């Protein structure tokens, strides 16, 4: 599950993609806009990966039982 800030960053990235595409269709391509969108996309992927890594649950270590082990 993604955190609130990561969801917001994803929504902003998607909105930037829509705006960049609309600008490109209406006025022509701009390399700087696409470069900026790629940087934003990579940052969003990094945030999502960090969230996914933080959510991994580690199994608790069981203490050994006293006495002979099988």
C-alpha atoms as a PDB file:
ATOM      1  CA  UNK A   1       0.000   0.000   0.000  1.00  0.00           C
ATOM      2  CA  UNK A   2       1.390   3.363  -0.962  1.00  0.00           C
ATOM      3  CA  UNK A   3       1.536   6.214   1.512  1.00  0.00           C
ATOM      4  CA  UNK A   4      -0.355   9.460   1.015  1.00  0.00           C
ATOM      5  CA  UNK A   5       2.623  11.461  -0.266  1.00  0.00           C
ATOM      6  CA  UNK A   6       3.456   8.759  -2.813  1.00  0.00           C
ATOM      7  CA  UNK A   7      -0.130   8.693  -4.084  1.00  0.00           C
ATOM      8  CA  UNK A   8      -0.050  12.475  -4.412  1.00  0.00           C
ATOM      9  CA  UNK A   9       3.247  12.300  -6.303  1.00  0.00           C
ATOM     10  CA  UNK A  10       1.735   9.685  -8.625  1.00  0.00           C
ATOM     11  CA  UNK A  11      -1.262  11.913  -9.328  1.00  0.00           C
ATOM     12  CA  UNK A  12       0.998  14.891 -10.029  1.00  0.00           C
ATOM     13  CA  UNK A  13       3.128  12.760 -12.363  1.00  0.00           C
ATOM     14  CA  UNK A  14       0.049  11.594 -14.254  1.00  0.00           C
ATOM     15  CA  UNK A  15      -1.290  15.158 -14.516  1.00  0.00           C
ATOM     16  CA  UNK A  16       2.109  16.332 -15.795  1.00  0.00           C
ATOM     17  CA  UNK A  17       2.038  13.587 -18.430  1.00  0.00           C
ATOM     18  CA  UNK A  18      -1.408  14.713 -19.610  1.00  0.00           C
ATOM     19  CA  UNK A  19      -0.337  18.378 -19.698  1.00  0.00           C
ATOM     20  CA  UNK A  20       2.927  17.617 -21.508  1.00  0.00           C
ATOM     21  CA  UNK A  21       1.118  15.498 -24.094  1.00  0.00           C
ATOM     22  CA  UNK A  22      -1.517  18.200 -24.588  1.00  0.00           C
ATOM     23  CA  UNK A  23       1.178  20.857 -25.029  1.00  0.00           C
ATOM     24  CA  UNK A  24       3.009  18.651 -27.545  1.00  0.00           C
ATOM     25  CA  UNK A  25      -0.143  18.072 -29.608  1.00  0.00           C
ATOM     26  CA  UNK A  26      -1.191  21.726 -29.549  1.00  0.00           C
ATOM     27  CA  UNK A  27       2.106  23.589 -29.879  1.00  0.00           C
ATOM     28  CA  UNK A  28       4.767  21.065 -30.838  1.00  0.00           C
ATOM     29  CA  UNK A  29       7.268  19.012 -28.938  1.00  0.00           C
ATOM     30  CA  UNK A  30       9.453  20.483 -26.228  1.00  0.00           C
ATOM     31  CA  UNK A  31      12.398  18.376 -25.157  1.00  0.00           C
ATOM     32  CA  UNK A  32      12.697  20.158 -21.818  1.00  0.00           C
ATOM     33  CA  UNK A  33       9.086  19.347 -20.926  1.00  0.00           C
ATOM     34  CA  UNK A  34       9.612  15.680 -21.695  1.00  0.00           C
ATOM     35  CA  UNK A  35      12.912  15.663 -19.829  1.00  0.00           C
ATOM     36  CA  UNK A  36      11.215  17.229 -16.806  1.00  0.00           C
ATOM     37  CA  UNK A  37       8.426  14.681 -16.962  1.00  0.00           C
ATOM     38  CA  UNK A  38      10.958  11.834 -17.076  1.00  0.00           C
ATOM     39  CA  UNK A  39      12.769  13.215 -14.017  1.00  0.00           C
ATOM     40  CA  UNK A  40       9.437  13.479 -12.201  1.00  0.00           C
ATOM     41  CA  UNK A  41       8.547   9.928 -13.237  1.00  0.00           C
ATOM     42  CA  UNK A  42      11.847   8.515 -11.976  1.00  0.00           C
ATOM     43  CA  UNK A  43      11.413  10.355  -8.672  1.00  0.00           C
ATOM     44  CA  UNK A  44       7.900   8.921  -8.355  1.00  0.00           C
ATOM     45  CA  UNK A  45       9.160   5.403  -9.047  1.00  0.00           C
ATOM     46  CA  UNK A  46      11.849   5.912  -6.415  1.00  0.00           C
ATOM     47  CA  UNK A  47       9.265   6.970  -3.846  1.00  0.00           C
ATOM     48  CA  UNK A  48       7.098   3.952  -4.681  1.00  0.00           C
ATOM     49  CA  UNK A  49      10.083   1.613  -4.365  1.00  0.00           C
ATOM     50  CA  UNK A  50      11.016   3.140  -1.011  1.00  0.00           C
ATOM     51  CA  UNK A  51       7.449   2.652   0.226  1.00  0.00           C
ATOM     52  CA  UNK A  52       7.426  -0.955  -0.947  1.00  0.00           C
ATOM     53  CA  UNK A  53      10.730  -1.639   0.814  1.00  0.00           C
ATOM     54  CA  UNK A  54       9.498  -0.073   4.042  1.00  0.00           C
ATOM     55  CA  UNK A  55       6.373  -2.222   4.041  1.00  0.00           C
ATOM     56  CA  UNK A  56       8.137  -5.563   3.922  1.00  0.00           C
ATOM     57  CA  UNK A  57       7.386  -7.416   7.106  1.00  0.00           C
ATOM     58  CA  UNK A  58      10.150  -9.434   8.641  1.00  0.00           C
ATOM     59  CA  UNK A  59       9.343 -12.706  10.333  1.00  0.00           C
ATOM     60  CA  UNK A  60      10.007 -12.564  14.040  1.00  0.00           C
ATOM     61  CA  UNK A  61      12.876 -14.729  15.220  1.00  0.00           C
ATOM     62  CA  UNK A  62      11.609 -17.553  17.375  1.00  0.00           C
ATOM     63  CA  UNK A  63      13.594 -18.209  20.513  1.00  0.00           C
ATOM     64  CA  UNK A  64      15.009 -21.722  20.739  1.00  0.00           C
ATOM     65  CA  UNK A  65      13.306 -24.093  23.066  1.00  0.00           C
ATOM     66  CA  UNK A  66      15.395 -25.341  25.943  1.00  0.00           C
ATOM     67  CA  UNK A  67      16.428 -28.954  25.826  1.00  0.00           C
ATOM     68  CA  UNK A  68      17.524 -31.275  23.051  1.00  0.00           C
ATOM     69  CA  UNK A  69      16.771 -30.220  19.494  1.00  0.00           C
ATOM     70  CA  UNK A  70      15.521 -32.826  16.976  1.00  0.00           C
END
